[in-house]
Structure formats: C-alpha cells, structure tokens
Amino acid sequence: MSDELLDLRKRIDHLDEEILARLCERAQCAQRIGTIKQDKVFYRPEREAQVLRRIAELNPGPLSEDAVRHVFREIMSCCLALEHPLRVVYLGPAGTFSESASRAHFGSSANFLPQASIDEVFRAVEAGNADYGVVPVENSTEGVVGITLDLLLAHSLQLCGEAQLRIHHHLLSKADGIGAARRLYSHAQSLGQCHEWLNRNLPHLPRLPVASNAEAARLAAEDDESCAIAGEAAAERYKLNKLASNIEDDPNNSTRFLVISHHDAGPSGADKTSLVCGALNRPGAMHTLLEPLARHGVDMSRLQSRPAPGGLWEYVFYIDILGHRNDPEVANALAELNERAGFVKILGSYPIATI
C-alpha cells in the first residue's frame, strides 16, 4: 500500500472524527432549542428550507447540490427527533410514492404511519393522531387529485409544505422474465402514465387496477404469474425483480405532494400561498377575481376549477400564488380578493419545494 493512500485514509479518519464531534454539538444545540421554545411547535418548515437553500448555495463540490441537501435533510431529521419525534401519516400501504415523498420531506427519523385513504390521512391529522400528513395533489401527466382538493376545502387543516417527487415506474415480478406473466397489477394513474410503453411491449396483457402501486407489488409477490408497475421502494420491500426500468412515457414525470397540519409556515424567502375561492355568478366574474393579483404584481402559478360541493353547475377555484401571505403585495392582493369573491379560504403559505 502506497504512503499516499495511507495518508489519505488517516486524513479521512481524522475528518470523520471532526464531523462526528460537530454533529453531536449541533444535536446539543437542537436539544437546547427544544427546551426554550415557548410555542412547542418543533418543526419549522421555513427554517429548514432556509438551511437547505443556504447549504446548497455554499456547496463547493464535488458533491452535487441534491446530495448535500439529502445529507443535511437527514441531519436535521435526526436532531428534530431529539426534540420531538414527528408522527407523519401518508397514503399507504408502505412502499408507495407517498411514503417516498414523506421520507424525502421529513427525513428518515420521523415515525411514518400508512393510512388506507387520503381521507384517513386528513382525519388522522385533524384528530391529533398525527402531527403531519402527506397527500398527493397533482401529477405532471395525469393532472390533479380531485379528492385532495375537495378535502382541503372541507377540512380546517392548513398547508405547511410541499414536496415534488420524480416518478420512475418499474415493471416488477418474482419471475426473471415477462414470458410467464398472465396479468399486470397497478394503480390506475400509473397505468395511464405508462400507457404507451405498455401498448408497445405488453399489448395483450390484462391490466388490473388496484388501490396503490404498493398493493400491486404485494399481489405480484404472491403470484409467479403476475407482474406489477411500482417504484423502487415497493421493489425493495417486496423483493421483486425489475424486468424493465423507467417505463413511464414522460421522462420528466413527477408528482406534487402537500404537507397538511394545524399550522402553516412562516416566511422563508421563497414561498408559495395556496387558496380556494368562489366567484360570484355574474359576467366578468373571473376577471374581477384575478385582477387584484395582476395589479399588485403577484404571480399566479396555478388555477384549477372544481365543482362546488352541493352546487349544480357552480365552481370553486384553487389558486397558487408566489409569495407568502404576509408579504405586503400578497397581503394587499388577498385583502382585495376577499372583498370581491363569494368566499376566500387561505389554505396556507409554505416554502417552495426543490425537486
């Protein structure tokens, strides 16, 4: 072994000791913060977003920004668990993309609890059985998740964060090849996201929709003649072989998730505000509704209409705008919007996710 190699290994050992000492010092600071907080809201999305942005900006390489953010995401997760282990619910079962999004957002040290439906995620948070919930709201290929929007209107919970997850679908099976496959399980949205690939490669295989991709993987794990479309987490959990990887039709396929709780986030410097409102039933109502946003220079990043609950041919509008509700221009625009709309419900302000 060369002298240079020995020296480098000694240097790495020394650096590891320094890193460990600094990690423990950081954890002690986090514990101290937990003891002096008055409001006992331990998770501060705006603070974590600021830390991750600052670290990414300071990164000199050779590690990528994504790698650095991942490391510090886990450090903050471990330190937060010393103050207060978070209970996070998500659309289950284990192995879904919702679980992957939850872990990417909160780190691995939270307690993750799968729920049978999106409605159950909302109920668990509202009842106080969980601190936070993670629910899908929009896919770049298949569009919005309507039930999530409806529940945001129906419940009193607020949005305190968002996560974006690149969705990579794999064809999974216990078998080593697709020749023995007699049926294909997957969630309906995933079937839609892989429609063209399936038409080219498995045109005659029956496609059976199930409640989730994780459920599809579980069924495939019980039957040598079945295959499933699911993600990496499900493949690992159910010990399935990848017969084909990244079979989604759109290589940029991604899903946006929202984090629900009893509070939203403070200003982080790069924020988004979500709201839902109703337009009065008269000519030019939409222009009247949106004009204050344009006049105050507030960027609207999304506008989605949904049928109003119980109202025949009436609609409510879900709007995302850039900026925090406490920013002066946003606050002024929202005040005017509140005077013009039939109703306005601010769903929350929160840091913009980085993918």
Protein backbone atom coordinates (compact mmCIF):
# COMPACT_ATOMS: atom_id res chain seq x y z
CA MET A 1 0.00 0.00 0.00
CA SER A 2 1.44 3.38 -1.00
CA ASP A 3 2.32 6.08 1.52
CA GLU A 4 -0.09 8.48 -0.18
CA LEU A 5 -3.01 6.06 0.23
CA LEU A 6 -2.19 5.56 3.92
CA ASP A 7 -2.00 9.33 4.44
CA LEU A 8 -5.37 9.86 2.73
CA ARG A 9 -7.03 7.20 4.87
CA LYS A 10 -5.62 8.76 8.03
CA ARG A 11 -6.91 12.12 6.84
CA ILE A 12 -10.39 10.64 6.26
CA ASP A 13 -10.35 9.11 9.76
CA HIS A 14 -9.47 12.50 11.24
CA LEU A 15 -12.21 14.23 9.23
CA ASP A 16 -14.75 11.62 10.33
CA GLU A 17 -13.90 12.36 13.95
CA GLU A 18 -14.34 16.09 13.32
CA ILE A 19 -17.66 15.52 11.56
CA LEU A 20 -18.93 13.37 14.44
CA ALA A 21 -17.92 16.00 17.01
CA ARG A 22 -19.70 18.74 15.07
CA LEU A 23 -22.80 16.60 14.58
CA CYS A 24 -23.03 15.98 18.31
CA GLU A 25 -22.53 19.69 19.01
CA ARG A 26 -25.32 20.52 16.55
CA ALA A 27 -27.60 17.97 18.20
CA GLN A 28 -26.94 19.51 21.61
CA CYS A 29 -27.91 22.93 20.22
CA ALA A 30 -31.13 21.44 18.82
CA GLN A 31 -31.95 19.89 22.20
CA ARG A 32 -31.37 23.22 23.91
CA ILE A 33 -33.65 24.99 21.43
CA GLY A 34 -36.35 22.44 22.23
CA THR A 35 -36.19 23.27 25.94
CA ILE A 36 -36.52 27.05 25.49
CA LYS A 37 -39.26 27.16 22.84
CA GLN A 38 -42.46 28.74 24.10
CA ASP A 39 -44.97 27.60 21.47
CA LYS A 40 -43.74 23.98 21.35
CA VAL A 41 -44.11 23.87 17.56
CA PHE A 42 -40.91 21.96 16.96
CA TYR A 43 -40.99 21.61 13.19
CA ARG A 44 -40.39 24.90 11.40
CA PRO A 45 -40.63 24.37 7.63
CA GLU A 46 -39.39 27.86 6.83
CA ARG A 47 -36.25 27.42 8.93
CA GLU A 48 -35.42 24.05 7.38
CA ALA A 49 -35.98 25.45 3.87
CA GLN A 50 -33.62 28.33 4.63
CA VAL A 51 -30.95 25.95 5.94
CA LEU A 52 -31.17 23.69 2.87
CA ARG A 53 -31.04 26.63 0.45
CA ARG A 54 -28.07 28.16 2.26
CA ILE A 55 -26.15 24.87 2.30
CA ALA A 56 -26.81 24.31 -1.41
CA GLU A 57 -25.53 27.81 -2.18
CA LEU A 58 -22.36 27.28 -0.10
CA ASN A 59 -21.63 23.87 -1.62
CA PRO A 60 -18.19 23.98 -3.33
CA GLY A 61 -18.45 20.43 -4.75
CA PRO A 62 -17.61 17.77 -5.74
CA LEU A 63 -20.85 16.57 -4.09
CA SER A 64 -23.97 17.58 -6.01
CA GLU A 65 -26.48 20.01 -4.52
CA ASP A 66 -29.02 17.18 -4.29
CA ALA A 67 -26.54 15.03 -2.36
CA VAL A 68 -25.70 17.84 0.05
CA ARG A 69 -29.37 18.63 0.63
CA HIS A 70 -30.07 14.95 1.31
CA VAL A 71 -27.29 14.72 3.91
CA PHE A 72 -28.42 17.84 5.73
CA ARG A 73 -32.07 16.80 5.47
CA GLU A 74 -31.17 13.66 7.43
CA ILE A 75 -29.08 15.60 9.94
CA MET A 76 -32.00 17.92 10.67
CA SER A 77 -34.37 14.97 10.89
CA CYS A 78 -32.18 13.27 13.50
CA CYS A 79 -31.81 16.47 15.52
CA LEU A 80 -35.53 17.19 15.39
CA ALA A 81 -36.26 13.68 16.66
CA LEU A 82 -34.29 14.56 19.81
CA GLU A 83 -36.70 17.45 20.45
CA HIS A 84 -39.94 15.79 19.38
CA PRO A 85 -40.29 12.67 17.17
CA LEU A 86 -42.78 13.63 14.47
CA ARG A 87 -45.74 11.42 13.58
CA VAL A 88 -46.30 11.61 9.83
CA VAL A 89 -49.21 9.89 8.05
CA TYR A 90 -49.33 9.20 4.34
CA LEU A 91 -51.39 7.33 1.76
CA GLY A 92 -50.35 3.72 2.23
CA PRO A 93 -49.59 0.95 2.29
CA ALA A 94 -45.84 1.01 2.88
CA GLY A 95 -43.85 1.26 -0.32
CA THR A 96 -45.99 3.89 -2.08
CA PHE A 97 -44.68 7.03 -3.72
CA SER A 98 -46.45 8.92 -0.93
CA GLU A 99 -44.14 7.23 1.57
CA SER A 100 -41.11 8.11 -0.56
CA ALA A 101 -42.25 11.75 -0.69
CA SER A 102 -42.81 11.76 3.08
CA ARG A 103 -39.31 10.47 3.77
CA ALA A 104 -37.76 12.88 1.29
CA HIS A 105 -39.50 15.81 3.01
CA PHE A 106 -39.11 14.87 6.68
CA GLY A 107 -36.03 12.63 6.63
CA SER A 108 -35.84 9.10 7.98
CA SER A 109 -36.12 9.84 11.71
CA ALA A 110 -39.84 10.66 11.77
CA ASN A 111 -42.40 7.99 12.61
CA PHE A 112 -44.25 7.18 9.38
CA LEU A 113 -47.75 5.69 9.58
CA PRO A 114 -49.57 4.48 6.44
CA GLN A 115 -53.28 5.19 6.03
CA ALA A 116 -55.84 3.42 3.87
CA SER A 117 -57.07 6.53 2.03
CA ILE A 118 -56.41 10.23 1.55
CA ASP A 119 -59.49 10.90 3.66
CA GLU A 120 -57.95 8.91 6.52
CA VAL A 121 -54.76 11.00 6.27
CA PHE A 122 -56.83 14.16 6.81
CA ARG A 123 -58.79 12.57 9.66
CA ALA A 124 -55.64 11.39 11.46
CA VAL A 125 -54.10 14.87 11.42
CA GLU A 126 -57.30 16.67 12.33
CA ALA A 127 -57.94 14.30 15.26
CA GLY A 128 -54.42 14.85 16.60
CA ASN A 129 -53.32 11.27 15.96
CA ALA A 130 -50.54 12.59 13.72
CA ASP A 131 -48.56 15.81 13.54
CA TYR A 132 -48.41 16.00 9.75
CA GLY A 133 -49.91 14.34 6.71
CA VAL A 134 -48.55 13.99 3.17
CA VAL A 135 -51.05 13.73 0.32
CA PRO A 136 -50.67 13.74 -3.48
CA VAL A 137 -52.27 16.70 -5.23
CA GLU A 138 -51.04 16.78 -8.83
CA ASN A 139 -49.19 14.64 -11.37
CA SER A 140 -47.49 16.20 -14.37
CA THR A 141 -49.04 13.59 -16.69
CA GLU A 142 -52.41 12.68 -15.17
CA GLY A 143 -53.39 16.03 -13.64
CA VAL A 144 -54.89 16.92 -10.25
CA VAL A 145 -56.01 14.55 -7.50
CA GLY A 146 -59.56 15.80 -7.06
CA ILE A 147 -60.23 14.19 -3.69
CA THR A 148 -57.28 16.05 -2.16
CA LEU A 149 -58.62 19.40 -3.36
CA ASP A 150 -62.11 18.60 -2.08
CA LEU A 151 -60.78 17.62 1.35
CA LEU A 152 -58.69 20.80 1.61
CA LEU A 153 -61.92 22.75 1.24
CA ALA A 154 -63.87 20.57 3.66
CA HIS A 155 -61.31 20.42 6.49
CA SER A 156 -59.83 23.14 8.69
CA LEU A 157 -56.23 21.99 8.23
CA GLN A 158 -53.53 24.17 6.70
CA LEU A 159 -50.67 23.61 4.29
CA CYS A 160 -47.17 23.96 5.70
CA GLY A 161 -45.09 22.40 2.94
CA GLU A 162 -44.89 20.72 -0.42
CA ALA A 163 -42.71 18.03 -1.95
CA GLN A 164 -42.07 17.12 -5.54
CA LEU A 165 -41.04 13.60 -6.44
CA ARG A 166 -39.72 12.35 -9.77
CA ILE A 167 -41.82 9.30 -10.55
CA HIS A 168 -39.97 6.35 -12.06
CA HIS A 169 -42.05 3.26 -12.73
CA HIS A 170 -40.61 -0.25 -12.98
CA LEU A 171 -42.10 -3.50 -14.22
CA LEU A 172 -41.71 -5.90 -11.29
CA SER A 173 -42.19 -9.63 -10.81
CA LYS A 174 -40.98 -12.64 -8.85
CA ALA A 175 -40.08 -14.23 -12.20
CA ASP A 176 -36.92 -13.43 -14.17
CA GLY A 177 -38.80 -12.61 -17.37
CA ILE A 178 -42.20 -11.49 -18.62
CA GLY A 179 -42.92 -14.66 -20.58
CA ALA A 180 -44.83 -16.25 -17.68
CA ALA A 181 -46.87 -13.16 -16.88
CA ARG A 182 -50.64 -13.58 -17.17
CA ARG A 183 -51.79 -10.35 -15.51
CA LEU A 184 -50.50 -6.88 -14.61
CA TYR A 185 -51.42 -5.01 -11.43
CA SER A 186 -51.03 -1.27 -10.95
CA HIS A 187 -52.73 1.89 -9.76
CA ALA A 188 -54.94 3.45 -12.43
CA GLN A 189 -52.79 6.59 -12.62
CA SER A 190 -49.63 4.57 -13.15
CA LEU A 191 -51.32 2.61 -15.93
CA GLY A 192 -52.06 5.95 -17.56
CA GLN A 193 -48.50 7.19 -17.07
CA CYS A 194 -47.10 4.03 -18.74
CA HIS A 195 -49.83 3.63 -21.35
CA GLU A 196 -47.66 3.91 -24.49
CA TRP A 197 -44.91 1.67 -23.12
CA LEU A 198 -47.47 -0.99 -22.25
CA ASN A 199 -49.07 -0.75 -25.67
CA ARG A 200 -45.70 -1.34 -27.33
CA ASN A 201 -44.34 -4.04 -25.05
CA LEU A 202 -47.30 -5.79 -23.38
CA PRO A 203 -50.31 -5.06 -25.59
CA HIS A 204 -52.23 -8.23 -24.76
CA LEU A 205 -51.54 -8.49 -21.02
CA PRO A 206 -54.67 -7.80 -18.90
CA ARG A 207 -54.25 -4.64 -16.81
CA LEU A 208 -55.86 -4.81 -13.38
CA PRO A 209 -56.19 -1.52 -11.44
CA VAL A 210 -55.67 -1.71 -7.66
CA ALA A 211 -55.70 0.81 -4.80
CA SER A 212 -51.96 1.59 -4.92
CA ASN A 213 -48.71 0.57 -6.57
CA ALA A 214 -47.55 -0.92 -3.28
CA GLU A 215 -50.64 -3.13 -3.27
CA ALA A 216 -49.84 -4.12 -6.87
CA ALA A 217 -46.33 -5.12 -5.80
CA ARG A 218 -47.69 -7.12 -2.87
CA LEU A 219 -50.02 -9.05 -5.17
CA ALA A 220 -47.22 -9.73 -7.64
CA ALA A 221 -45.04 -11.03 -4.81
CA GLU A 222 -47.67 -13.68 -4.04
CA ASP A 223 -48.04 -14.98 -7.59
CA ASP A 224 -45.38 -16.10 -10.10
CA GLU A 225 -47.74 -15.40 -12.99
CA SER A 226 -48.31 -11.75 -12.07
CA CYS A 227 -46.31 -8.59 -12.57
CA ALA A 228 -46.76 -5.06 -11.25
CA ILE A 229 -45.92 -1.47 -12.02
CA ALA A 230 -44.42 0.20 -8.95
CA GLY A 231 -41.48 2.23 -7.71
CA GLU A 232 -38.10 1.47 -6.18
CA ALA A 233 -39.38 1.36 -2.60
CA ALA A 234 -42.02 -1.26 -3.42
CA ALA A 235 -39.50 -3.35 -5.36
CA GLU A 236 -37.18 -3.43 -2.35
CA ARG A 237 -39.93 -4.01 0.20
CA TYR A 238 -41.45 -6.98 -1.63
CA LYS A 239 -38.15 -8.33 -3.04
CA LEU A 240 -39.24 -8.25 -6.66
CA ASN A 241 -37.11 -8.38 -9.78
CA LYS A 242 -37.01 -5.42 -12.15
CA LEU A 243 -37.99 -6.72 -15.57
CA ALA A 244 -37.88 -3.20 -17.04
CA SER A 245 -36.93 0.16 -15.52
CA ASN A 246 -38.19 3.71 -16.03
CA ILE A 247 -41.14 2.67 -18.19
CA GLU A 248 -43.07 5.93 -17.71
CA ASP A 249 -43.96 7.60 -21.02
CA ASP A 250 -42.80 11.05 -19.86
CA PRO A 251 -39.18 11.07 -18.61
CA ASN A 252 -39.99 14.22 -16.59
CA ASN A 253 -42.97 12.58 -14.89
CA SER A 254 -43.35 13.98 -11.37
CA THR A 255 -45.95 14.22 -8.64
CA ARG A 256 -46.51 17.11 -6.27
CA PHE A 257 -47.44 16.37 -2.67
CA LEU A 258 -48.79 18.69 0.01
CA VAL A 259 -47.99 18.62 3.73
CA ILE A 260 -51.04 19.24 5.94
CA SER A 261 -51.08 20.22 9.60
CA HIS A 262 -52.72 22.58 12.08
CA HIS A 263 -50.34 25.41 11.12
CA ASP A 264 -48.73 26.83 8.03
CA ALA A 265 -45.16 28.13 7.69
CA GLY A 266 -43.56 31.50 8.31
CA PRO A 267 -41.81 33.40 5.52
CA SER A 268 -38.71 31.63 4.20
CA GLY A 269 -37.80 33.98 1.36
CA ALA A 270 -39.05 31.67 -1.42
CA ASP A 271 -42.66 30.80 -0.71
CA LYS A 272 -45.99 29.87 -2.20
CA THR A 273 -49.52 30.57 -0.96
CA SER A 274 -52.49 28.34 -1.78
CA LEU A 275 -56.11 29.41 -1.52
CA VAL A 276 -59.58 28.44 -2.69
CA CYS A 277 -62.30 30.90 -3.58
CA GLY A 278 -65.69 31.19 -5.22
CA ALA A 279 -66.58 33.66 -7.96
CA LEU A 280 -69.88 35.49 -7.87
CA ASN A 281 -72.23 34.31 -10.65
CA ARG A 282 -72.15 37.33 -12.96
CA PRO A 283 -70.43 38.41 -16.23
CA GLY A 284 -66.70 39.10 -15.90
CA ALA A 285 -66.53 37.41 -12.51
CA MET A 286 -63.19 35.69 -13.15
CA HIS A 287 -61.56 38.90 -14.35
CA THR A 288 -62.85 40.70 -11.28
CA LEU A 289 -61.48 37.90 -9.11
CA LEU A 290 -57.98 37.80 -10.56
CA GLU A 291 -57.39 41.48 -11.36
CA PRO A 292 -56.02 42.38 -7.87
CA LEU A 293 -53.30 39.74 -8.25
CA ALA A 294 -52.09 41.24 -11.52
CA ARG A 295 -52.31 44.83 -10.27
CA HIS A 296 -50.23 44.08 -7.18
CA GLY A 297 -47.64 42.14 -9.22
CA VAL A 298 -48.42 38.76 -7.67
CA ASP A 299 -47.57 35.79 -9.89
CA MET A 300 -50.19 33.06 -10.14
CA SER A 301 -48.62 29.63 -10.68
CA ARG A 302 -51.79 27.52 -10.80
CA LEU A 303 -55.55 27.92 -11.34
CA GLN A 304 -57.77 24.86 -11.04
CA SER A 305 -61.57 24.75 -11.05
CA ARG A 306 -63.65 22.13 -9.23
CA PRO A 307 -67.42 21.68 -8.93
CA ALA A 308 -68.66 23.36 -5.77
CA PRO A 309 -69.96 20.92 -3.14
CA GLY A 310 -73.72 20.65 -3.49
CA GLY A 311 -73.92 23.35 -6.16
CA LEU A 312 -75.23 22.33 -9.57
CA TRP A 313 -73.08 23.96 -12.29
CA GLU A 314 -71.25 26.09 -9.71
CA TYR A 315 -67.49 26.01 -9.27
CA VAL A 316 -64.75 26.88 -6.81
CA PHE A 317 -61.24 27.86 -7.87
CA TYR A 318 -57.96 26.66 -6.37
CA ILE A 319 -55.18 29.18 -6.83
CA ASP A 320 -51.46 29.02 -6.09
CA ILE A 321 -49.55 32.30 -5.99
CA LEU A 322 -45.87 33.01 -5.46
CA GLY A 323 -45.04 34.74 -2.21
CA HIS A 324 -46.02 34.47 1.44
CA ARG A 325 -49.41 35.72 2.65
CA ASN A 326 -47.55 38.10 4.99
CA ASP A 327 -45.62 39.72 2.12
CA PRO A 328 -47.07 43.23 1.65
CA GLU A 329 -48.00 42.85 -2.03
CA VAL A 330 -49.56 39.43 -1.43
CA ALA A 331 -51.43 40.61 1.67
CA ASN A 332 -52.85 43.62 -0.21
CA ALA A 333 -53.95 41.49 -3.15
CA LEU A 334 -55.60 38.93 -0.88
CA ALA A 335 -57.43 41.67 1.04
CA GLU A 336 -58.96 42.97 -2.20
CA LEU A 337 -59.72 39.45 -3.40
CA ASN A 338 -61.58 38.79 -0.17
CA GLU A 339 -63.84 41.78 -0.87
CA ARG A 340 -64.63 40.67 -4.42
CA ALA A 341 -65.03 36.90 -4.11
CA GLY A 342 -68.04 34.99 -2.90
CA PHE A 343 -65.69 33.46 -0.32
CA VAL A 344 -61.94 33.02 0.18
CA LYS A 345 -60.18 30.36 2.21
CA ILE A 346 -56.40 30.67 2.63
CA LEU A 347 -55.07 27.13 2.69
CA GLY A 348 -51.60 28.19 3.81
CA SER A 349 -48.22 29.62 2.92
CA TYR A 350 -45.17 27.38 2.72
CA PRO A 351 -41.66 27.10 1.21
CA ILE A 352 -41.47 26.21 -2.48
CA ALA A 353 -40.19 22.67 -2.95
CA THR A 354 -36.97 21.87 -4.79
CA ILE A 355 -37.02 18.69 -6.85
